[in-house]
């Protein structure tokens, strides 16, 4: 198994990608630690985070192999390369750009481009995408995944946007390979108050939802 395949397997096995937007590396590390304690060890740091590259570097050094740190909101290959050199182990985009996939694979990192329509999805898959981030998934729901995977059973789909504890299990049952979860995982008020135990418990519930849906 290649390094890229092992990273992808880790994302699939866990079933939950914690998407974090934070104001500082210290803040993000505290949130990441809380999420990890709840059983979610795959975390995406978005490029919309202030000093994102520095945050990725510090977070990667802090957790080493304990947490798989990736980069999100990537819009071009140059940003993907910079994030990978800073320590990102996978690359997530809100769009499909073949050059980003090529760059991620050059460094043996999984690429998860953002797509919405069946045509976008199959074009990204043909270009080498390791998993497709279906974004935004808010208005589509689990049935859309069943519909797409009917004629395209070979693709791996990851809903992002609108995934919460109320629909997490249904997305998995509908065929999602993993879930991208942001605001529903990280309670901003709880974090502001330093109640990271709330984040840990929410992470645990998401992991349990995935496991139950998979029959584990």
N, C-alpha and C. Protein backbone atom coordinates (compact mmCIF):
# COMPACT_ATOMS: atom_id res chain seq x y z
N UNK A 1 0.84 -1.20 0.00
CA UNK A 1 0.00 0.00 0.00
C UNK A 1 0.88 1.25 0.00
N UNK A 2 0.61 2.17 -0.92
CA UNK A 2 1.40 3.40 -1.01
C UNK A 2 1.05 4.34 0.14
N UNK A 3 1.91 5.36 0.33
CA UNK A 3 1.64 6.34 1.37
C UNK A 3 0.29 7.03 1.13
N UNK A 4 0.02 7.33 -0.13
CA UNK A 4 -1.25 7.99 -0.46
C UNK A 4 -2.43 7.09 -0.12
N UNK A 5 -2.31 5.84 -0.46
CA UNK A 5 -3.39 4.89 -0.18
C UNK A 5 -3.60 4.71 1.32
N UNK A 6 -2.52 4.69 2.09
CA UNK A 6 -2.65 4.52 3.53
C UNK A 6 -3.32 5.74 4.17
N UNK A 7 -3.03 6.92 3.65
CA UNK A 7 -3.68 8.12 4.17
C UNK A 7 -5.17 8.11 3.82
N UNK A 8 -5.48 7.71 2.61
CA UNK A 8 -6.87 7.63 2.19
C UNK A 8 -7.61 6.59 3.03
N UNK A 9 -6.97 5.46 3.29
CA UNK A 9 -7.59 4.42 4.11
C UNK A 9 -7.89 4.94 5.52
N UNK A 10 -6.99 5.75 6.04
CA UNK A 10 -7.21 6.30 7.38
C UNK A 10 -8.42 7.21 7.40
N UNK A 11 -8.59 8.01 6.34
CA UNK A 11 -9.75 8.89 6.24
C UNK A 11 -11.03 8.06 6.16
N UNK A 12 -11.02 7.02 5.35
CA UNK A 12 -12.20 6.17 5.20
C UNK A 12 -12.50 5.41 6.48
N UNK A 13 -11.48 4.85 7.10
CA UNK A 13 -11.70 4.05 8.31
C UNK A 13 -12.32 4.87 9.43
N UNK A 14 -11.82 6.10 9.60
CA UNK A 14 -12.37 6.96 10.65
C UNK A 14 -13.77 7.44 10.30
N UNK A 15 -13.97 7.77 9.04
CA UNK A 15 -15.29 8.16 8.56
C UNK A 15 -15.69 9.59 8.83
N UNK A 16 -14.88 10.33 9.58
CA UNK A 16 -15.22 11.72 9.91
C UNK A 16 -13.98 12.60 9.72
N UNK A 17 -14.14 13.67 8.93
CA UNK A 17 -13.11 14.69 8.80
C UNK A 17 -13.59 15.91 9.58
N UNK A 18 -12.86 16.26 10.62
CA UNK A 18 -13.22 17.45 11.39
C UNK A 18 -12.68 18.69 10.71
N UNK A 19 -13.57 19.55 10.25
CA UNK A 19 -13.17 20.77 9.53
C UNK A 19 -13.11 21.92 10.52
N UNK A 20 -11.92 22.49 10.70
CA UNK A 20 -11.72 23.51 11.72
C UNK A 20 -11.29 24.84 11.12
N UNK A 21 -11.96 25.88 11.54
CA UNK A 21 -11.54 27.25 11.23
C UNK A 21 -11.25 27.92 12.56
N UNK A 22 -10.04 28.40 12.72
CA UNK A 22 -9.64 28.94 14.01
C UNK A 22 -8.88 30.25 13.83
N UNK A 23 -8.77 31.00 14.92
CA UNK A 23 -8.10 32.29 14.89
C UNK A 23 -6.61 32.21 15.19
N UNK A 24 -6.17 31.07 15.74
CA UNK A 24 -4.76 30.93 16.08
C UNK A 24 -4.40 29.46 16.16
N UNK A 25 -3.10 29.17 16.09
CA UNK A 25 -2.65 27.79 16.19
C UNK A 25 -2.93 27.22 17.58
N UNK A 26 -2.77 28.04 18.61
CA UNK A 26 -3.01 27.57 19.97
C UNK A 26 -4.47 27.17 20.14
N UNK A 27 -5.34 27.99 19.61
CA UNK A 27 -6.78 27.71 19.69
C UNK A 27 -7.10 26.44 18.92
N UNK A 28 -6.55 26.30 17.72
CA UNK A 28 -6.83 25.13 16.90
C UNK A 28 -6.29 23.86 17.53
N UNK A 29 -5.12 23.93 18.11
CA UNK A 29 -4.54 22.75 18.75
C UNK A 29 -5.42 22.27 19.89
N UNK A 30 -5.99 23.20 20.67
CA UNK A 30 -6.88 22.82 21.76
C UNK A 30 -8.13 22.13 21.22
N UNK A 31 -8.68 22.67 20.13
CA UNK A 31 -9.87 22.07 19.51
C UNK A 31 -9.52 20.72 18.93
N UNK A 32 -8.38 20.63 18.25
CA UNK A 32 -7.96 19.37 17.64
C UNK A 32 -7.76 18.29 18.70
N UNK A 33 -7.19 18.67 19.82
CA UNK A 33 -6.98 17.71 20.90
C UNK A 33 -8.32 17.20 21.44
N UNK A 34 -9.27 18.12 21.57
CA UNK A 34 -10.60 17.73 22.06
C UNK A 34 -11.28 16.78 21.08
N UNK A 35 -11.16 17.06 19.79
CA UNK A 35 -11.77 16.21 18.77
C UNK A 35 -11.12 14.83 18.79
N UNK A 36 -9.79 14.80 18.89
CA UNK A 36 -9.06 13.53 18.90
C UNK A 36 -9.50 12.68 20.10
N UNK A 37 -9.69 13.30 21.24
CA UNK A 37 -10.11 12.56 22.43
C UNK A 37 -11.49 11.93 22.23
N UNK A 38 -12.26 12.51 21.31
CA UNK A 38 -13.56 11.95 21.01
C UNK A 38 -13.52 10.89 19.93
N UNK A 39 -12.33 10.57 19.42
CA UNK A 39 -12.19 9.50 18.44
C UNK A 39 -12.05 9.94 17.00
N UNK A 40 -12.02 11.24 16.74
CA UNK A 40 -11.85 11.75 15.38
C UNK A 40 -10.40 12.22 15.23
N UNK A 41 -9.63 11.49 14.42
CA UNK A 41 -8.20 11.82 14.30
C UNK A 41 -7.82 12.27 12.90
N UNK A 42 -8.80 12.71 12.12
CA UNK A 42 -8.55 13.30 10.79
C UNK A 42 -9.11 14.71 10.81
N UNK A 43 -8.25 15.70 10.67
CA UNK A 43 -8.65 17.09 10.84
C UNK A 43 -8.19 17.93 9.65
N UNK A 44 -9.09 18.77 9.19
CA UNK A 44 -8.81 19.65 8.05
C UNK A 44 -8.71 21.10 8.52
N UNK A 45 -7.59 21.73 8.24
CA UNK A 45 -7.39 23.14 8.55
C UNK A 45 -7.62 23.92 7.26
N UNK A 46 -8.60 24.79 7.27
CA UNK A 46 -8.92 25.52 6.03
C UNK A 46 -7.96 26.68 5.79
N UNK A 47 -7.77 27.00 4.53
CA UNK A 47 -6.90 28.11 4.17
C UNK A 47 -7.53 29.46 4.54
N UNK A 48 -8.78 29.45 4.97
CA UNK A 48 -9.41 30.68 5.45
C UNK A 48 -9.02 30.99 6.89
N UNK A 49 -8.31 30.08 7.54
CA UNK A 49 -7.81 30.31 8.89
C UNK A 49 -6.65 31.30 8.83
N UNK A 50 -6.63 32.33 9.68
CA UNK A 50 -5.51 33.26 9.69
C UNK A 50 -4.18 32.53 9.86
N UNK A 51 -3.17 32.89 9.06
CA UNK A 51 -1.86 32.24 9.12
C UNK A 51 -2.00 30.73 8.98
N UNK A 52 -2.80 30.31 8.01
CA UNK A 52 -3.13 28.89 7.86
C UNK A 52 -1.90 28.00 7.74
N UNK A 53 -0.92 28.41 6.96
CA UNK A 53 0.27 27.57 6.78
C UNK A 53 1.03 27.39 8.09
N UNK A 54 1.11 28.46 8.86
CA UNK A 54 1.77 28.36 10.15
C UNK A 54 0.98 27.46 11.09
N UNK A 55 -0.33 27.54 11.03
CA UNK A 55 -1.18 26.70 11.87
C UNK A 55 -1.00 25.23 11.49
N UNK A 56 -0.98 24.95 10.20
CA UNK A 56 -0.78 23.57 9.74
C UNK A 56 0.57 23.05 10.22
N UNK A 57 1.61 23.87 10.09
CA UNK A 57 2.95 23.46 10.51
C UNK A 57 2.98 23.15 12.01
N UNK A 58 2.45 24.05 12.82
CA UNK A 58 2.47 23.86 14.27
C UNK A 58 1.61 22.68 14.70
N UNK A 59 0.46 22.54 14.08
CA UNK A 59 -0.44 21.45 14.45
C UNK A 59 0.15 20.10 14.06
N UNK A 60 0.77 20.04 12.89
CA UNK A 60 1.41 18.80 12.44
C UNK A 60 2.54 18.41 13.38
N UNK A 61 3.31 19.37 13.82
CA UNK A 61 4.41 19.09 14.73
C UNK A 61 3.90 18.68 16.11
N UNK A 62 2.81 19.28 16.53
CA UNK A 62 2.23 18.99 17.84
C UNK A 62 1.72 17.55 17.92
N UNK A 63 1.04 17.10 16.88
CA UNK A 63 0.38 15.79 16.93
C UNK A 63 1.14 14.67 16.22
N UNK A 64 2.08 15.04 15.36
CA UNK A 64 2.86 14.03 14.62
C UNK A 64 1.91 13.02 13.97
N UNK A 65 2.06 11.73 14.30
CA UNK A 65 1.24 10.69 13.68
C UNK A 65 -0.09 10.47 14.38
N UNK A 66 -0.33 11.15 15.49
CA UNK A 66 -1.57 10.96 16.24
C UNK A 66 -2.79 11.46 15.48
N UNK A 67 -2.60 12.51 14.70
CA UNK A 67 -3.70 13.11 13.95
C UNK A 67 -3.26 13.32 12.51
N UNK A 68 -4.14 13.00 11.57
CA UNK A 68 -3.85 13.24 10.15
C UNK A 68 -4.35 14.64 9.81
N UNK A 69 -3.42 15.56 9.64
CA UNK A 69 -3.76 16.95 9.38
C UNK A 69 -3.79 17.21 7.87
N UNK A 70 -4.90 17.77 7.40
CA UNK A 70 -5.01 18.12 5.99
C UNK A 70 -5.29 19.59 5.82
N UNK A 71 -5.32 20.03 4.57
CA UNK A 71 -5.61 21.43 4.27
C UNK A 71 -6.90 21.50 3.46
N UNK A 72 -7.72 22.50 3.75
CA UNK A 72 -8.98 22.68 3.03
C UNK A 72 -9.08 24.06 2.39
N UNK A 73 -10.13 24.26 1.60
CA UNK A 73 -10.37 25.53 0.91
C UNK A 73 -9.22 25.90 -0.02
N UNK A 74 -8.61 24.89 -0.64
CA UNK A 74 -7.49 25.11 -1.56
C UNK A 74 -8.04 25.43 -2.95
N UNK A 75 -7.54 26.52 -3.55
CA UNK A 75 -8.05 26.98 -4.83
C UNK A 75 -7.07 26.85 -5.98
N UNK A 76 -5.81 26.53 -5.69
CA UNK A 76 -4.83 26.40 -6.76
C UNK A 76 -3.69 25.48 -6.34
N UNK A 77 -2.94 25.02 -7.33
CA UNK A 77 -1.87 24.05 -7.08
C UNK A 77 -0.76 24.64 -6.22
N UNK A 78 -0.47 25.93 -6.39
CA UNK A 78 0.60 26.56 -5.61
C UNK A 78 0.28 26.53 -4.12
N UNK A 79 -0.98 26.78 -3.78
CA UNK A 79 -1.40 26.73 -2.37
C UNK A 79 -1.32 25.31 -1.85
N UNK A 80 -1.71 24.35 -2.67
CA UNK A 80 -1.63 22.94 -2.26
C UNK A 80 -0.20 22.56 -1.92
N UNK A 81 0.75 22.96 -2.78
CA UNK A 81 2.16 22.64 -2.55
C UNK A 81 2.66 23.29 -1.27
N UNK A 82 2.32 24.55 -1.06
CA UNK A 82 2.78 25.26 0.15
C UNK A 82 2.24 24.57 1.40
N UNK A 83 0.98 24.15 1.37
CA UNK A 83 0.38 23.50 2.53
C UNK A 83 1.00 22.13 2.78
N UNK A 84 1.29 21.40 1.71
CA UNK A 84 1.92 20.09 1.85
C UNK A 84 3.31 20.24 2.46
N UNK A 85 4.06 21.23 2.00
CA UNK A 85 5.39 21.46 2.56
C UNK A 85 5.32 21.90 4.02
N UNK A 86 4.18 22.49 4.40
CA UNK A 86 3.99 22.90 5.80
C UNK A 86 3.56 21.73 6.68
N UNK A 87 3.17 20.61 6.05
CA UNK A 87 2.80 19.43 6.83
C UNK A 87 1.46 18.81 6.52
N UNK A 88 0.69 19.37 5.59
CA UNK A 88 -0.62 18.81 5.26
C UNK A 88 -0.48 17.43 4.63
N UNK A 89 -1.31 16.49 5.07
CA UNK A 89 -1.23 15.11 4.59
C UNK A 89 -2.30 14.77 3.56
N UNK A 90 -3.22 15.67 3.32
CA UNK A 90 -4.21 15.50 2.25
C UNK A 90 -4.73 16.88 1.89
N UNK A 91 -5.31 16.99 0.68
CA UNK A 91 -5.73 18.29 0.15
C UNK A 91 -7.21 18.26 -0.21
N UNK A 92 -7.96 19.21 0.33
CA UNK A 92 -9.40 19.31 0.07
C UNK A 92 -9.70 20.65 -0.60
N UNK A 93 -10.56 20.62 -1.62
CA UNK A 93 -10.90 21.83 -2.37
C UNK A 93 -12.42 22.01 -2.44
N UNK A 94 -12.89 23.24 -2.56
CA UNK A 94 -14.31 23.48 -2.79
C UNK A 94 -14.65 23.37 -4.28
N UNK A 95 -13.62 23.21 -5.12
CA UNK A 95 -13.77 23.17 -6.57
C UNK A 95 -13.01 21.98 -7.14
N UNK A 96 -13.19 21.74 -8.45
CA UNK A 96 -12.41 20.73 -9.16
C UNK A 96 -11.42 21.41 -10.09
N UNK A 97 -10.14 21.23 -9.81
CA UNK A 97 -9.07 21.75 -10.66
C UNK A 97 -8.05 20.63 -10.81
N UNK A 98 -7.91 20.06 -12.00
CA UNK A 98 -7.00 18.93 -12.21
C UNK A 98 -5.56 19.20 -11.74
N UNK A 99 -5.12 20.43 -11.84
CA UNK A 99 -3.73 20.74 -11.46
C UNK A 99 -3.51 20.54 -9.96
N UNK A 100 -4.54 20.72 -9.16
CA UNK A 100 -4.41 20.50 -7.72
C UNK A 100 -4.25 19.02 -7.42
N UNK A 101 -5.00 18.19 -8.14
CA UNK A 101 -4.88 16.74 -7.98
C UNK A 101 -3.47 16.30 -8.35
N UNK A 102 -2.98 16.80 -9.46
CA UNK A 102 -1.62 16.46 -9.91
C UNK A 102 -0.58 16.85 -8.87
N UNK A 103 -0.72 18.04 -8.30
CA UNK A 103 0.23 18.50 -7.30
C UNK A 103 0.18 17.63 -6.04
N UNK A 104 -1.02 17.32 -5.57
CA UNK A 104 -1.16 16.49 -4.37
C UNK A 104 -0.52 15.11 -4.60
N UNK A 105 -0.77 14.52 -5.76
CA UNK A 105 -0.22 13.20 -6.05
C UNK A 105 1.29 13.23 -6.22
N UNK A 106 1.83 14.35 -6.64
CA UNK A 106 3.28 14.48 -6.77
C UNK A 106 3.96 14.24 -5.43
N UNK A 107 3.25 14.61 -4.36
CA UNK A 107 3.78 14.42 -3.00
C UNK A 107 3.12 13.25 -2.28
N UNK A 108 2.43 12.40 -3.03
CA UNK A 108 1.77 11.20 -2.50
C UNK A 108 0.72 11.53 -1.43
N UNK A 109 -0.03 12.61 -1.68
CA UNK A 109 -1.11 13.00 -0.78
C UNK A 109 -2.47 12.81 -1.47
N UNK A 110 -3.47 12.34 -0.77
CA UNK A 110 -4.81 12.21 -1.35
C UNK A 110 -5.39 13.58 -1.71
N UNK A 111 -6.13 13.63 -2.81
CA UNK A 111 -6.79 14.86 -3.25
C UNK A 111 -8.29 14.66 -3.21
N UNK A 112 -9.00 15.61 -2.57
CA UNK A 112 -10.45 15.55 -2.44
C UNK A 112 -11.04 16.83 -3.04
N UNK A 113 -11.26 16.87 -4.36
CA UNK A 113 -11.82 18.07 -4.98
C UNK A 113 -13.32 18.19 -4.71
N UNK A 114 -13.81 19.41 -4.78
CA UNK A 114 -15.23 19.66 -4.56
C UNK A 114 -16.01 19.60 -5.86
N UNK A 115 -17.08 18.82 -5.86
CA UNK A 115 -17.94 18.68 -7.04
C UNK A 115 -19.39 18.64 -6.60
N UNK A 116 -20.30 18.84 -7.57
CA UNK A 116 -21.72 18.80 -7.24
C UNK A 116 -22.51 17.90 -8.18
N UNK A 117 -22.29 18.07 -9.48
CA UNK A 117 -23.06 17.32 -10.46
C UNK A 117 -22.39 15.99 -10.81
N UNK A 118 -23.15 15.03 -11.35
CA UNK A 118 -22.55 13.77 -11.79
C UNK A 118 -21.42 13.97 -12.80
N UNK A 119 -21.56 14.94 -13.69
CA UNK A 119 -20.52 15.19 -14.69
C UNK A 119 -19.24 15.67 -14.02
N UNK A 120 -19.35 16.59 -13.08
CA UNK A 120 -18.17 17.06 -12.35
C UNK A 120 -17.53 15.91 -11.59
N UNK A 121 -18.37 15.11 -10.95
CA UNK A 121 -17.87 14.00 -10.13
C UNK A 121 -17.08 13.01 -10.97
N UNK A 122 -17.62 12.58 -12.10
CA UNK A 122 -16.92 11.58 -12.90
C UNK A 122 -15.69 12.18 -13.59
N UNK A 123 -15.73 13.46 -13.93
CA UNK A 123 -14.54 14.10 -14.51
C UNK A 123 -13.42 14.19 -13.49
N UNK A 124 -13.76 14.51 -12.25
CA UNK A 124 -12.75 14.58 -11.19
C UNK A 124 -12.19 13.19 -10.89
N UNK A 125 -13.06 12.20 -10.91
CA UNK A 125 -12.63 10.81 -10.65
C UNK A 125 -11.68 10.36 -11.76
N UNK A 126 -12.02 10.67 -13.00
CA UNK A 126 -11.18 10.31 -14.14
C UNK A 126 -9.83 11.02 -14.08
N UNK A 127 -9.81 12.20 -13.45
CA UNK A 127 -8.56 12.96 -13.33
C UNK A 127 -7.70 12.47 -12.18
N UNK A 128 -8.19 11.48 -11.42
CA UNK A 128 -7.39 10.88 -10.36
C UNK A 128 -7.78 11.24 -8.95
N UNK A 129 -8.91 11.91 -8.76
CA UNK A 129 -9.35 12.26 -7.40
C UNK A 129 -9.45 11.00 -6.54
N UNK A 130 -9.01 11.09 -5.30
CA UNK A 130 -9.05 9.94 -4.39
C UNK A 130 -10.41 9.81 -3.71
N UNK A 131 -11.05 10.94 -3.52
CA UNK A 131 -12.39 10.99 -2.94
C UNK A 131 -13.00 12.31 -3.40
N UNK A 132 -14.29 12.33 -3.62
CA UNK A 132 -14.95 13.55 -4.08
C UNK A 132 -15.68 14.21 -2.92
N UNK A 133 -15.36 15.46 -2.69
CA UNK A 133 -16.08 16.25 -1.69
C UNK A 133 -17.34 16.80 -2.37
N UNK A 134 -18.50 16.28 -1.99
CA UNK A 134 -19.75 16.77 -2.57
C UNK A 134 -20.14 18.02 -1.80
N UNK A 135 -20.03 19.15 -2.48
CA UNK A 135 -20.21 20.44 -1.80
C UNK A 135 -20.93 21.41 -2.72
N UNK A 136 -21.90 22.15 -2.18
CA UNK A 136 -22.44 22.00 -0.82
C UNK A 136 -23.48 20.89 -0.76
N UNK A 137 -23.45 20.08 0.29
CA UNK A 137 -24.37 18.95 0.42
C UNK A 137 -25.65 19.33 1.16
N UNK A 138 -25.71 20.55 1.65
CA UNK A 138 -26.82 21.00 2.49
C UNK A 138 -28.18 20.74 1.87
N UNK A 139 -28.36 21.17 0.62
CA UNK A 139 -29.68 21.08 0.00
C UNK A 139 -29.92 19.75 -0.72
N UNK A 140 -28.91 18.87 -0.75
CA UNK A 140 -29.03 17.64 -1.51
C UNK A 140 -29.55 16.47 -0.69
N UNK A 141 -28.94 16.25 0.46
CA UNK A 141 -29.38 15.18 1.33
C UNK A 141 -28.87 13.81 0.90
N UNK A 142 -29.05 12.80 1.75
CA UNK A 142 -28.55 11.45 1.50
C UNK A 142 -29.08 10.82 0.21
N UNK A 143 -30.32 11.12 -0.17
CA UNK A 143 -30.88 10.49 -1.36
C UNK A 143 -30.07 10.83 -2.61
N UNK A 144 -29.50 12.00 -2.64
CA UNK A 144 -28.67 12.39 -3.79
C UNK A 144 -27.49 11.43 -3.94
N UNK A 145 -26.93 11.01 -2.82
CA UNK A 145 -25.79 10.09 -2.85
C UNK A 145 -26.23 8.73 -3.39
N UNK A 146 -27.39 8.27 -2.99
CA UNK A 146 -27.91 7.01 -3.53
C UNK A 146 -28.11 7.12 -5.04
N UNK A 147 -28.65 8.25 -5.46
CA UNK A 147 -28.92 8.45 -6.89
C UNK A 147 -27.63 8.47 -7.70
N UNK A 148 -26.60 9.16 -7.20
CA UNK A 148 -25.33 9.27 -7.93
C UNK A 148 -24.58 7.94 -7.93
N UNK A 149 -24.58 7.26 -6.78
CA UNK A 149 -23.82 6.02 -6.68
C UNK A 149 -24.48 4.87 -7.42
N UNK A 150 -25.74 5.03 -7.81
CA UNK A 150 -26.40 4.00 -8.60
C UNK A 150 -25.64 3.73 -9.89
N UNK A 151 -25.45 4.73 -10.75
CA UNK A 151 -24.69 4.53 -11.99
C UNK A 151 -23.17 4.70 -11.82
N UNK A 152 -22.73 5.25 -10.66
CA UNK A 152 -21.30 5.50 -10.44
C UNK A 152 -20.84 4.86 -9.13
N UNK A 153 -20.99 3.55 -8.99
CA UNK A 153 -20.67 2.90 -7.72
C UNK A 153 -19.18 2.91 -7.37
N UNK A 154 -18.33 3.20 -8.36
CA UNK A 154 -16.89 3.15 -8.13
C UNK A 154 -16.34 4.38 -7.41
N UNK A 155 -17.10 5.48 -7.38
CA UNK A 155 -16.55 6.71 -6.81
C UNK A 155 -16.73 6.74 -5.29
N UNK A 156 -15.84 7.46 -4.63
CA UNK A 156 -15.93 7.65 -3.18
C UNK A 156 -16.39 9.08 -2.93
N UNK A 157 -17.49 9.22 -2.20
CA UNK A 157 -18.08 10.53 -1.98
C UNK A 157 -18.04 10.92 -0.50
N UNK A 158 -17.81 12.21 -0.27
CA UNK A 158 -17.75 12.76 1.08
C UNK A 158 -18.60 14.02 1.15
N UNK A 159 -19.78 13.96 1.78
CA UNK A 159 -20.61 15.17 1.89
C UNK A 159 -19.99 16.18 2.84
N UNK A 160 -20.04 17.43 2.46
CA UNK A 160 -19.56 18.52 3.32
C UNK A 160 -20.52 19.69 3.19
N UNK A 161 -20.88 20.27 4.31
CA UNK A 161 -21.84 21.37 4.33
C UNK A 161 -23.21 20.82 4.70
N UNK A 162 -23.63 21.07 5.92
CA UNK A 162 -24.94 20.61 6.34
C UNK A 162 -24.96 19.25 7.00
N UNK A 163 -23.80 18.63 7.19
CA UNK A 163 -23.75 17.33 7.87
C UNK A 163 -23.81 17.55 9.37
N UNK A 164 -24.77 16.89 10.02
CA UNK A 164 -24.90 17.02 11.48
C UNK A 164 -25.27 15.67 12.07
N UNK A 165 -25.48 15.63 13.38
CA UNK A 165 -25.78 14.37 14.04
C UNK A 165 -27.14 13.82 13.62
N UNK A 166 -27.98 14.68 13.08
CA UNK A 166 -29.30 14.23 12.65
C UNK A 166 -29.28 13.48 11.34
N UNK A 167 -28.27 13.72 10.49
CA UNK A 167 -28.24 13.05 9.19
C UNK A 167 -26.95 12.28 8.91
N UNK A 168 -26.00 12.31 9.85
CA UNK A 168 -24.71 11.65 9.63
C UNK A 168 -24.87 10.18 9.27
N UNK A 169 -25.64 9.45 10.04
CA UNK A 169 -25.82 8.02 9.79
C UNK A 169 -26.48 7.78 8.43
N UNK A 170 -27.43 8.61 8.06
CA UNK A 170 -28.13 8.43 6.78
C UNK A 170 -27.20 8.65 5.60
N UNK A 171 -26.28 9.60 5.72
CA UNK A 171 -25.31 9.81 4.64
C UNK A 171 -24.42 8.57 4.48
N UNK A 172 -23.99 7.98 5.59
CA UNK A 172 -23.17 6.77 5.53
C UNK A 172 -23.97 5.62 4.92
N UNK A 173 -25.19 5.44 5.35
CA UNK A 173 -26.04 4.38 4.81
C UNK A 173 -26.30 4.58 3.32
N UNK A 174 -26.29 5.84 2.89
CA UNK A 174 -26.53 6.15 1.48
C UNK A 174 -25.29 5.93 0.62
N UNK A 175 -24.17 5.60 1.27
CA UNK A 175 -22.96 5.28 0.52
C UNK A 175 -21.78 6.21 0.69
N UNK A 176 -21.91 7.25 1.51
CA UNK A 176 -20.79 8.16 1.72
C UNK A 176 -19.59 7.42 2.31
N UNK A 177 -18.39 7.68 1.78
CA UNK A 177 -17.18 7.03 2.27
C UNK A 177 -16.68 7.68 3.56
N UNK A 178 -16.99 8.95 3.73
CA UNK A 178 -16.61 9.70 4.93
C UNK A 178 -17.47 10.95 4.98
N UNK A 179 -17.42 11.65 6.10
CA UNK A 179 -18.21 12.86 6.30
C UNK A 179 -17.29 14.03 6.62
N UNK A 180 -17.53 15.17 5.98
CA UNK A 180 -16.83 16.39 6.33
C UNK A 180 -17.71 17.20 7.26
N UNK A 181 -17.27 17.40 8.49
CA UNK A 181 -18.12 18.04 9.50
C UNK A 181 -17.42 19.25 10.11
N UNK A 182 -18.08 20.40 10.06
CA UNK A 182 -17.48 21.62 10.59
C UNK A 182 -18.21 22.16 11.80
N UNK A 183 -19.12 23.10 11.59
CA UNK A 183 -19.78 23.78 12.70
C UNK A 183 -20.59 22.85 13.58
N UNK A 184 -21.10 21.76 13.03
CA UNK A 184 -21.88 20.82 13.84
C UNK A 184 -20.99 20.04 14.80
N UNK A 185 -19.70 20.02 14.54
CA UNK A 185 -18.75 19.31 15.40
C UNK A 185 -18.13 20.23 16.44
N UNK A 186 -17.82 21.45 16.03
CA UNK A 186 -17.14 22.39 16.92
C UNK A 186 -18.11 23.49 17.36
N UNK A 187 -18.60 23.37 18.57
CA UNK A 187 -19.52 24.35 19.14
C UNK A 187 -18.74 25.62 19.49
N UNK A 188 -18.98 26.69 18.74
CA UNK A 188 -18.20 27.92 18.93
C UNK A 188 -18.34 28.49 20.34
N UNK A 189 -19.54 28.46 20.87
CA UNK A 189 -19.76 29.02 22.20
C UNK A 189 -19.03 28.20 23.25
N UNK A 190 -19.11 26.88 23.13
CA UNK A 190 -18.43 26.00 24.09
C UNK A 190 -16.92 26.23 24.04
N UNK A 191 -16.39 26.39 22.84
CA UNK A 191 -14.95 26.62 22.69
C UNK A 191 -14.57 27.97 23.29
N UNK A 192 -15.39 28.99 23.03
CA UNK A 192 -15.12 30.33 23.58
C UNK A 192 -15.11 30.30 25.10
N UNK A 193 -15.90 29.41 25.68
CA UNK A 193 -15.98 29.30 27.14
C UNK A 193 -14.98 28.30 27.71
N UNK A 194 -14.20 27.69 26.82
CA UNK A 194 -13.20 26.73 27.28
C UNK A 194 -13.76 25.38 27.64
N UNK A 195 -14.98 25.08 27.21
CA UNK A 195 -15.60 23.80 27.53
C UNK A 195 -15.33 22.80 26.40
N UNK A 196 -14.09 22.38 26.31
CA UNK A 196 -13.69 21.49 25.23
C UNK A 196 -14.26 20.09 25.39
N UNK A 197 -14.74 19.78 26.61
CA UNK A 197 -15.38 18.48 26.81
C UNK A 197 -16.64 18.34 25.95
N UNK A 198 -17.28 19.46 25.65
CA UNK A 198 -18.47 19.45 24.79
C UNK A 198 -18.07 19.01 23.38
N UNK A 199 -16.95 19.53 22.90
CA UNK A 199 -16.45 19.17 21.58
C UNK A 199 -16.07 17.69 21.55
N UNK A 200 -15.44 17.23 22.60
CA UNK A 200 -15.05 15.82 22.68
C UNK A 200 -16.26 14.90 22.63
N UNK A 201 -17.29 15.25 23.35
CA UNK A 201 -18.50 14.43 23.37
C UNK A 201 -19.20 14.43 22.02
N UNK A 202 -19.21 15.57 21.35
CA UNK A 202 -19.82 15.65 20.02
C UNK A 202 -19.04 14.79 19.03
N UNK A 203 -17.72 14.85 19.10
CA UNK A 203 -16.88 14.02 18.23
C UNK A 203 -17.18 12.54 18.46
N UNK A 204 -17.33 12.18 19.71
CA UNK A 204 -17.63 10.78 20.04
C UNK A 204 -18.97 10.35 19.44
N UNK A 205 -19.94 11.24 19.48
CA UNK A 205 -21.26 10.92 18.92
C UNK A 205 -21.20 10.75 17.40
N UNK A 206 -20.40 11.56 16.73
CA UNK A 206 -20.25 11.42 15.28
C UNK A 206 -19.59 10.09 14.94
N UNK A 207 -18.55 9.72 15.67
CA UNK A 207 -17.88 8.45 15.43
C UNK A 207 -18.84 7.29 15.66
N UNK A 208 -19.62 7.38 16.71
CA UNK A 208 -20.58 6.32 17.01
C UNK A 208 -21.64 6.22 15.92
N UNK A 209 -22.08 7.37 15.40
CA UNK A 209 -23.08 7.37 14.33
C UNK A 209 -22.55 6.66 13.10
N UNK A 210 -21.28 6.92 12.77
CA UNK A 210 -20.66 6.27 11.61
C UNK A 210 -20.55 4.77 11.83
N UNK A 211 -20.09 4.39 13.00
CA UNK A 211 -19.90 2.97 13.30
C UNK A 211 -21.22 2.21 13.28
N UNK A 212 -22.25 2.80 13.86
CA UNK A 212 -23.56 2.14 13.88
C UNK A 212 -24.10 1.99 12.46
N UNK A 213 -23.95 3.07 11.66
CA UNK A 213 -24.45 3.03 10.28
C UNK A 213 -23.71 1.98 9.45
N UNK A 214 -22.45 1.74 9.78
CA UNK A 214 -21.66 0.74 9.06
C UNK A 214 -21.85 -0.67 9.64
N UNK A 215 -22.57 -0.75 10.74
CA UNK A 215 -22.79 -2.04 11.37
C UNK A 215 -21.59 -2.57 12.10
N UNK A 216 -20.76 -1.64 12.58
CA UNK A 216 -19.53 -2.05 13.29
C UNK A 216 -19.78 -2.21 14.78
